[in-house]
Protein backbone atom coordinates (compact mmCIF):
# COMPACT_ATOMS: atom_id res chain seq x y z
CA MET A 1 61.33 66.32 37.63
CA GLU A 2 58.27 64.21 37.09
CA ILE A 3 55.86 63.47 39.40
CA ARG A 4 56.24 59.88 41.02
CA VAL A 5 53.20 58.55 43.01
CA THR A 6 51.95 55.61 44.53
CA GLY A 7 49.33 54.18 46.10
CA GLU A 8 45.61 56.62 46.08
CA ASP A 9 45.66 58.35 49.31
CA ALA A 10 43.54 61.44 49.49
CA ASP A 11 46.84 63.63 50.21
CA SER A 12 48.51 62.31 46.83
CA SER A 13 45.68 62.39 44.69
CA GLU A 14 44.81 66.14 45.95
CA GLU A 15 48.38 67.06 45.50
CA VAL A 16 48.42 65.59 41.96
CA MET A 17 45.09 67.24 41.10
CA LEU A 18 46.54 70.46 42.26
CA ILE A 19 49.47 70.34 40.07
CA TYR A 20 47.59 70.26 37.03
CA GLN A 21 45.47 73.28 37.68
CA ALA A 22 48.49 75.08 38.67
CA ALA A 23 49.62 73.87 35.45
CA LEU A 24 46.38 74.96 33.59
CA ARG A 25 46.61 78.55 34.92
CA GLN A 26 50.28 79.18 34.07
CA MET A 27 49.49 77.90 30.60
CA GLU A 28 46.27 80.30 30.44
CA THR A 29 48.57 83.12 31.63
CA LYS A 30 51.37 82.76 29.53
CA LEU A 31 48.51 82.64 26.15
CA ALA A 32 46.79 85.84 27.50
CA VAL A 33 50.53 87.32 27.25
CA LEU A 34 51.47 86.44 23.94
CA ASN A 35 47.97 87.30 22.53
CA GLU A 36 48.32 91.01 23.87
CA GLU A 37 51.79 91.09 22.85
CA PHE A 38 50.38 90.08 19.34
CA LYS A 39 47.85 93.15 19.44
CA MET A 40 50.17 95.43 20.08
CA VAL A 41 52.50 94.33 17.23
CA HIS A 42 50.59 93.03 14.36
CA LYS A 43 47.39 95.30 15.64
CA TYR A 44 45.05 92.63 16.46
CA ASN A 45 44.67 89.21 18.79
CA PRO A 46 45.02 85.80 17.55
CA ILE A 47 42.81 84.29 19.87
CA GLU A 48 39.16 84.85 20.13
CA HIS A 49 39.24 82.62 23.69
CA ILE A 50 40.63 80.08 26.06
CA THR A 51 39.10 77.54 27.88
CA SER A 52 40.53 75.21 30.25
CA ARG A 53 39.83 71.93 32.30
CA VAL A 54 40.71 69.22 34.39
CA LYS A 55 39.61 65.79 33.41
CA LYS A 56 37.34 64.23 35.61
CA SER A 57 38.54 61.11 37.40
CA GLU A 58 35.57 59.29 36.36
CA SER A 59 37.20 60.09 32.94
CA ILE A 60 40.62 59.29 33.49
CA ALA A 61 39.73 55.91 34.91
CA LYS A 62 37.55 55.04 31.87
CA LYS A 63 40.63 56.13 29.42
CA LEU A 64 42.98 54.06 31.95
CA ARG A 65 41.02 50.79 31.74
CA ARG A 66 40.36 50.83 27.63
CA HIS A 67 44.11 50.73 27.10
CA GLY A 68 44.52 48.38 29.34
CA TYR A 69 46.10 50.19 32.34
CA ASP A 70 45.27 49.57 36.38
CA VAL A 71 43.62 52.72 37.74
CA THR A 72 46.20 54.27 40.22
CA LEU A 73 47.75 57.71 40.00
CA GLU A 74 50.94 56.46 38.77
CA ASN A 75 49.45 55.21 35.70
CA MET A 76 47.40 58.32 35.45
CA VAL A 77 50.37 60.42 35.17
CA LYS A 78 52.58 58.38 33.00
CA TYR A 79 50.09 57.72 30.68
CA CYS A 80 47.16 60.33 30.40
CA ASN A 81 48.45 62.89 28.76
CA ASP A 82 45.03 64.99 28.61
CA ILE A 83 44.23 65.37 32.44
CA ALA A 84 44.97 69.19 31.72
CA GLY A 85 43.45 70.66 28.76
CA VAL A 86 43.46 73.96 27.23
CA ARG A 87 41.35 75.06 24.37
CA VAL A 88 42.52 78.41 22.20
CA ILE A 89 39.45 79.62 19.96
CA CYS A 90 40.69 81.73 16.93
CA SER A 91 38.59 83.52 14.01
CA PHE A 92 41.43 82.03 10.96
CA THR A 93 43.20 79.06 9.77
CA SER A 94 46.57 80.80 9.67
CA ASP A 95 46.13 82.09 13.41
CA ILE A 96 46.46 78.29 14.49
CA TYR A 97 49.98 77.92 13.29
CA ARG A 98 51.18 81.32 14.47
CA ILE A 99 49.73 80.17 17.61
CA ALA A 100 51.31 76.86 17.59
CA ASP A 101 54.62 78.34 16.83
CA MET A 102 54.20 80.71 19.84
CA ILE A 103 53.85 78.25 21.94
CA SER A 104 56.78 76.09 20.88
CA ASN A 105 59.24 78.87 21.03
CA GLN A 106 58.54 79.45 24.77
CA SER A 107 61.67 78.34 26.16
CA ASP A 108 59.69 76.51 29.21
CA ILE A 109 57.41 75.25 27.08
CA ARG A 110 58.53 71.02 25.57
CA VAL A 111 56.61 70.02 22.88
CA LEU A 112 56.45 65.97 22.87
CA ALA A 113 53.70 65.49 20.56
CA ILE A 114 51.28 67.29 18.00
CA LYS A 115 48.36 66.11 16.06
CA ASP A 116 47.44 68.33 13.20
CA TYR A 117 43.94 67.16 12.37
CA ILE A 118 43.71 70.13 9.79
CA ALA A 119 45.78 69.05 7.53
CA SER A 120 44.91 65.53 7.95
CA PRO A 121 41.36 65.50 9.55
CA LYS A 122 39.93 62.73 11.15
CA PRO A 123 37.66 60.31 9.27
CA SER A 124 34.33 61.88 10.25
CA GLY A 125 35.71 65.21 9.40
CA TYR A 126 37.27 66.56 12.13
CA ARG A 127 39.52 69.55 12.21
CA SER A 128 41.68 70.63 15.19
CA TYR A 129 45.58 71.02 16.31
CA HIS A 130 46.92 69.14 18.85
CA MET A 131 49.65 69.35 21.66
CA ILE A 132 50.93 67.81 23.77
CA VAL A 133 53.65 70.01 26.36
CA MET A 134 55.44 69.44 29.10
CA ILE A 135 55.16 72.80 31.65
CA PRO A 136 57.42 73.56 34.60
CA VAL A 137 54.57 74.05 37.79
CA TYR A 138 56.69 75.95 40.45
CA LEU A 139 56.18 74.54 44.16
CA SER A 140 57.58 75.77 47.11
CA ASP A 141 60.17 73.31 47.30
CA ARG A 142 60.21 71.35 44.00
CA ILE A 143 59.62 71.79 39.79
CA VAL A 144 57.29 69.47 38.47
CA ASP A 145 57.13 69.19 34.85
CA THR A 146 53.08 67.96 34.22
CA LYS A 147 51.87 67.23 30.98
CA ALA A 148 49.06 68.90 29.15
CA GLU A 149 47.06 68.60 25.80
CA ILE A 150 46.59 72.14 23.76
CA GLN A 151 43.83 72.01 21.52
CA ILE A 152 43.69 74.92 18.74
CA ARG A 153 41.04 75.32 16.57
CA THR A 154 38.32 78.27 14.92
CA MET A 155 35.31 78.99 15.73
CA ALA A 156 33.98 77.29 13.40
CA MET A 157 35.78 73.99 13.96
CA ASN A 158 35.25 74.19 17.50
CA PHE A 159 30.83 74.30 16.58
CA TRP A 160 31.20 71.24 14.81
CA ALA A 161 33.31 69.05 17.11
CA THR A 162 30.69 70.29 19.85
CA VAL A 163 28.28 69.06 18.15
CA GLU A 164 29.45 66.04 17.51
CA HIS A 165 30.93 65.50 21.05
CA SER A 166 27.06 65.98 21.97
CA LEU A 167 25.91 63.58 19.09
CA GLN A 168 28.05 60.79 20.82
CA TYR A 169 26.65 61.06 24.15
CA LYS A 170 23.27 60.98 22.71
CA TYR A 171 24.20 57.68 20.81
CA LYS A 172 25.67 55.74 22.91
CA HIS A 173 26.10 52.91 20.61
CA GLY A 174 27.02 54.79 18.07
CA ILE A 175 26.24 57.69 15.42
CA PRO A 176 23.58 56.59 12.71
CA GLU A 177 25.44 56.43 9.21
CA HIS A 178 22.90 59.12 7.52
CA ILE A 179 23.67 61.51 10.36
CA ARG A 180 27.69 60.53 10.16
CA GLU A 181 27.57 61.63 6.39
CA ARG A 182 25.55 64.72 7.27
CA LEU A 183 28.10 65.73 10.08
CA TYR A 184 30.28 65.47 7.46
CA ASN A 185 29.24 66.85 4.80
CA SER A 186 29.18 69.94 7.53
CA ALA A 187 32.71 69.99 8.40
CA GLU A 188 33.58 69.98 4.61
CA ALA A 189 31.49 73.30 4.23
CA ILE A 190 32.87 74.17 7.11
CA LEU A 191 36.08 73.87 5.84
CA THR A 192 34.73 75.80 2.68
CA LEU A 193 33.48 79.00 5.15
CA ASP A 194 37.22 78.85 7.24
CA ASN A 195 39.07 79.42 3.76
CA GLU A 196 36.37 82.02 2.36
CA MET A 197 37.15 83.87 5.73
CA SER A 198 40.61 83.72 5.36
CA GLN A 199 40.91 85.09 1.80
CA ILE A 200 38.37 87.97 3.00
CA ARG A 201 40.73 88.86 6.12
CA GLU A 202 43.87 88.94 3.84
CA GLU A 203 42.42 90.76 0.80
CA ILE A 204 41.13 93.04 4.18
CA MET A 205 45.02 93.21 5.60
CA ASP A 206 46.06 93.96 1.94
CA SER A 207 43.60 96.98 1.57
CA GLN A 208 44.71 98.23 4.61
CA ASN A 209 48.69 98.22 3.77
CA SER A 210 47.94 99.63 0.73
CA PHE A 211 46.16 102.66 2.27
CA ASN A 212 48.37 103.25 4.96
CA ILE A 213 51.36 102.93 2.27
CA LYS A 214 49.26 105.30 -0.09
CA ALA A 215 48.81 107.69 2.87
CA ASN A 216 52.27 107.93 3.81
CA ILE A 217 53.66 108.77 0.30
CA ILE A 218 51.38 111.64 0.29
CA ALA A 219 52.36 112.59 3.57
CA GLU A 220 55.59 112.68 2.28
CA ILE A 221 54.56 114.64 -1.53
CA LEU A 222 52.77 117.44 0.94
CA ASN A 223 56.33 117.45 3.51
CA SER A 224 58.49 117.56 0.28
CA ILE A 225 56.36 120.67 -1.50
CA GLU A 226 55.81 122.70 2.00
CA ASN A 227 59.87 122.61 1.61
CA LEU A 228 59.90 123.41 -1.52
CA TYR A 229 58.25 126.99 -0.64
CA ALA A 230 62.15 128.11 0.84
CA TYR A 231 63.56 127.27 -2.17
CA ALA A 232 61.68 128.11 -5.23
CA ASN A 233 59.14 130.47 -6.55
CA SER A 234 55.30 130.82 -6.58
CA ARG A 235 54.42 129.89 -9.93
CA GLU A 236 56.90 126.48 -9.97
CA ILE A 237 54.92 125.35 -6.68
CA VAL A 238 51.63 125.99 -8.27
CA LYS A 239 52.95 123.90 -11.22
CA ILE A 240 53.90 121.21 -8.87
CA GLN A 241 50.98 121.60 -7.07
CA ASP A 242 48.59 121.10 -10.04
CA GLU A 243 50.68 118.18 -11.05
CA PHE A 244 49.68 116.31 -7.66
CA PHE A 245 46.56 116.97 -7.42
CA LYS A 246 46.28 115.44 -10.94
CA ILE A 247 48.25 112.31 -10.25
CA TYR A 248 46.17 112.01 -6.87
CA SER A 249 42.71 112.04 -8.31
CA GLU A 250 44.24 109.03 -11.07
CA ASN A 251 43.73 106.72 -7.23
CA ASP A 252 47.59 105.20 -8.49
CA SER A 253 50.06 104.65 -5.77
CA ASP A 254 52.61 103.48 -8.29
CA LYS A 255 52.58 107.19 -10.17
CA LEU A 256 51.96 108.51 -6.64
CA GLU A 257 55.33 106.57 -5.06
CA ARG A 258 57.47 108.24 -8.78
CA PHE A 259 56.24 111.79 -8.47
CA SER A 260 57.38 111.79 -4.64
CA LYS A 261 61.12 109.90 -5.72
CA GLU A 262 60.99 112.98 -8.49
CA LEU A 263 60.29 115.70 -6.24
CA ASP A 264 62.63 114.78 -3.98
CA ILE A 265 65.28 115.25 -7.14
CA VAL A 266 63.82 118.73 -7.48
CA ALA A 267 63.99 120.07 -4.04
CA GLU A 268 67.51 117.88 -4.07
CA GLY A 269 68.80 120.62 -6.88
CA TYR A 270 66.77 123.70 -5.33
CA ARG A 271 68.71 123.25 -2.71
CA ALA A 272 71.95 123.02 -4.72
CA GLN A 273 71.19 126.07 -6.37
CA LYS A 274 71.33 128.17 -2.96
CA LEU A 275 74.09 126.48 -2.30
């Protein structure tokens, strides 16, 4: 159901803004739940923090006039997609697309449009991932489908965008060319920083995964050696332990994995002899 309002009476205006506020609260709650679920499954939070706002009436009026529309509630609801805005800040670029996928997969959220300013930055150097979505707001007597804009960006991208926004207010007639050039160069430096941090993160995660795999293999080997005490003689056990310590000191996960498989075969052989 679309919001249908005509005229500009106070009651209608208050109701419309209430609906946009409700849409923001629902979106914030949904993102918080997704973030906690992601942490439980993947052991880290992709979202650093979330901010939201309802666009001020002066900004809405200015935008409508700029696009040639009369300033009415009906036009506001119909033509302004970003009255309700949510900004999601994350640490790494790859998390931006993970979060976007999580949002898109929600059964009660309809994605109307996407602008990927990361893959295709603005000429100024601006980078961010924008989604226009439709969110159902549940009122006492009806459900109102409400548009909202979601911006997803890294902390570095957000810092750059905040600075650029401040400069646009400072220079009402346009940011000087030499400052624009420096802003663009800064945006490129931020891209390099984000890429470098992502690579560092991948290396850390690979290292953690390798450590966990190695720890599991060692646990299996120690368990197998302990079980062998029920079948093998002490001299054979000592020989196996010496071989294990030798391979362990080499810090080679592939050799440890092969040794673990060989140990399984040895254990099976001893069990077969007992039978």
